[in-house]
Amino acid sequence: MNQPTPPYYIDQMHPDMEASLTKQVTNQDIVAFSEVSGDKNPVHLDDNYAQNTRFKQRIAHGILSASFISAVFGMKMPGPGSIYLSQNLQFKAPVKIGDHVTAKVKVKTVDYTKARVVFETTCWVGNTLVISGEAELMVPKRQTTT
């Protein structure tokens, strides 16, 4: 059986479907995110400041890592046309410059009538869970031809 490719329509979604992507966090990512978001907390940008924190080095913005979940939704599953409705997040561990973050989404429930899907969302650095949460998305219905 052929696996559909993005974008997925609501009738193609079912529990336990999964998608992921991996992205290396660079200094340039952190600096750019700081500029775009306005979050210039020195724990993200200043080596000297960060050395005196519990992390002992600069860390990425938590929301920067969480944005990789959005990339999975927008580009892989459900893909273009899906709309984020809600997201909760728990930040479990820091992400450092050079870390490879793998964002994973897994379908928990599908409401075909309302075209809504609830996903388990996680981000990992190796075997370390750095973010966990849950999201709800609106997934497009197929266009009907008459």
Protein backbone atom coordinates (compact mmCIF):
# COMPACT_ATOMS: atom_id res chain seq x y z
CA MET A 1 0.00 0.00 0.00
CA ASN A 2 1.39 3.42 -0.96
CA GLN A 3 1.94 5.89 1.84
CA PRO A 4 0.38 9.27 0.98
CA THR A 5 2.73 12.24 0.74
CA PRO A 6 2.18 15.75 2.09
CA PRO A 7 -0.12 17.49 2.22
CA TYR A 8 -2.27 15.00 4.06
CA TYR A 9 -6.02 15.44 4.09
CA ILE A 10 -8.13 14.71 7.14
CA ASP A 11 -9.43 11.44 5.63
CA GLN A 12 -5.80 10.19 5.34
CA MET A 13 -4.95 10.83 9.00
CA HIS A 14 -5.09 8.07 11.61
CA PRO A 15 -3.72 7.44 15.10
CA ASP A 16 -0.04 6.49 15.38
CA MET A 17 1.04 8.22 12.15
CA GLU A 18 4.43 9.86 12.73
CA ALA A 19 6.75 12.36 11.11
CA SER A 20 10.00 14.01 12.15
CA LEU A 21 12.87 16.22 11.10
CA THR A 22 16.32 16.88 12.48
CA LYS A 23 18.04 20.26 12.53
CA GLN A 24 21.40 21.28 13.94
CA VAL A 25 21.19 24.41 16.09
CA THR A 26 23.86 26.92 15.12
CA ASN A 27 25.06 30.17 16.61
CA GLN A 28 23.57 31.91 13.56
CA ASP A 29 20.16 30.35 14.34
CA ILE A 30 20.28 31.67 17.91
CA VAL A 31 21.38 35.16 16.88
CA ALA A 32 18.74 35.35 14.12
CA PHE A 33 16.01 34.07 16.46
CA SER A 34 17.04 36.66 19.03
CA GLU A 35 16.71 39.42 16.43
CA VAL A 36 13.35 38.20 15.12
CA SER A 37 11.81 37.52 18.53
CA GLY A 38 13.42 40.36 20.48
CA ASP A 39 14.52 37.87 23.18
CA LYS A 40 18.08 38.96 23.88
CA ASN A 41 18.48 37.14 27.18
CA PRO A 42 22.26 36.91 27.71
CA VAL A 43 22.03 33.18 28.51
CA HIS A 44 21.51 32.78 24.74
CA LEU A 45 23.98 35.38 23.47
CA ASP A 46 26.78 36.09 25.96
CA ASP A 47 29.42 33.40 26.63
CA ASN A 48 30.73 35.13 29.77
CA TYR A 49 27.27 35.52 31.25
CA ALA A 50 26.27 31.94 30.39
CA GLN A 51 29.40 30.48 32.05
CA ASN A 52 28.03 31.70 35.39
CA THR A 53 24.65 30.00 34.95
CA ARG A 54 23.63 26.45 35.84
CA PHE A 55 24.15 25.54 32.16
CA LYS A 56 27.81 26.72 32.10
CA GLN A 57 27.43 27.68 28.44
CA ARG A 58 25.04 29.44 26.08
CA ILE A 59 21.78 27.64 25.33
CA ALA A 60 19.24 27.98 22.55
CA HIS A 61 15.90 29.64 23.12
CA GLY A 62 13.38 26.96 24.06
CA ILE A 63 10.90 28.31 21.53
CA LEU A 64 13.54 28.10 18.79
CA SER A 65 13.75 24.35 19.36
CA ALA A 66 9.95 24.13 19.63
CA SER A 67 9.64 25.86 16.25
CA PHE A 68 11.03 22.71 14.65
CA ILE A 69 7.72 21.05 15.62
CA SER A 70 5.97 23.70 13.56
CA ALA A 71 8.25 22.87 10.63
CA VAL A 72 7.20 19.21 10.80
CA PHE A 73 3.54 20.23 10.78
CA GLY A 74 3.91 22.74 7.97
CA MET A 75 6.12 20.72 5.68
CA LYS A 76 5.78 17.00 6.48
CA MET A 77 2.59 16.07 8.32
CA PRO A 78 -0.09 17.19 7.84
CA GLY A 79 1.83 19.57 5.57
CA PRO A 80 0.86 22.72 3.68
CA GLY A 81 -2.64 23.96 4.44
CA SER A 82 -2.72 22.70 8.03
CA ILE A 83 -3.45 25.28 10.71
CA TYR A 84 -2.05 25.27 14.25
CA LEU A 85 -4.83 25.66 16.82
CA SER A 86 -3.00 25.01 20.09
CA GLN A 87 0.27 23.77 21.55
CA ASN A 88 1.42 23.09 25.09
CA LEU A 89 5.09 22.56 25.86
CA GLN A 90 7.22 21.35 28.72
CA PHE A 91 10.92 22.20 28.46
CA LYS A 92 12.85 19.25 29.91
CA ALA A 93 16.52 19.94 29.10
CA PRO A 94 18.60 22.66 27.43
CA VAL A 95 19.65 22.67 23.78
CA LYS A 96 23.19 23.85 23.11
CA ILE A 97 24.93 25.25 20.05
CA GLY A 98 25.83 22.36 17.77
CA ASP A 99 23.12 20.01 19.08
CA HIS A 100 21.07 18.10 16.53
CA VAL A 101 17.41 18.44 17.55
CA THR A 102 14.92 15.89 16.24
CA ALA A 103 11.33 17.12 16.34
CA LYS A 104 8.75 14.33 16.26
CA VAL A 105 4.98 14.40 15.96
CA LYS A 106 2.63 11.46 16.42
CA VAL A 107 -1.12 11.41 15.83
CA LYS A 108 -3.08 10.71 19.02
CA THR A 109 -6.67 11.32 17.93
CA VAL A 110 -8.53 12.35 14.78
CA ASP A 111 -11.92 14.08 14.64
CA TYR A 112 -12.94 13.59 11.02
CA THR A 113 -16.14 15.64 11.38
CA LYS A 114 -14.39 18.75 12.71
CA ALA A 115 -11.18 18.10 10.70
CA ARG A 116 -9.07 18.29 13.86
CA VAL A 117 -6.07 16.18 14.84
CA VAL A 118 -4.36 16.00 18.23
CA PHE A 119 -0.65 15.19 18.17
CA GLU A 120 1.93 14.18 20.73
CA THR A 121 4.93 16.48 20.14
CA THR A 122 8.50 15.90 21.28
CA CYS A 123 12.00 17.17 20.62
CA TRP A 124 15.07 15.07 21.28
CA VAL A 125 18.83 15.61 21.37
CA GLY A 126 20.13 12.08 20.96
CA ASN A 127 18.31 10.04 23.61
CA THR A 128 17.54 13.08 25.76
CA LEU A 129 13.98 14.43 25.71
CA VAL A 130 14.28 18.22 25.60
CA ILE A 131 10.64 19.18 24.89
CA SER A 132 7.36 17.33 25.29
CA GLY A 133 3.85 18.50 24.58
CA GLU A 134 0.63 18.18 22.69
CA ALA A 135 -0.79 20.12 19.75
CA GLU A 136 -4.09 20.39 17.94
CA LEU A 137 -4.27 21.21 14.25
CA MET A 138 -6.97 21.80 11.70
CA VAL A 139 -6.29 19.57 8.68
CA PRO A 140 -7.68 20.35 5.22
CA LYS A 141 -10.50 18.33 3.72
CA ARG A 142 -10.24 17.18 0.13
CA GLN A 143 -11.80 19.49 -2.41
CA THR A 144 -14.88 17.87 -3.85
CA THR A 145 -15.61 18.15 -7.53
CA THR A 146 -19.18 18.36 -8.72
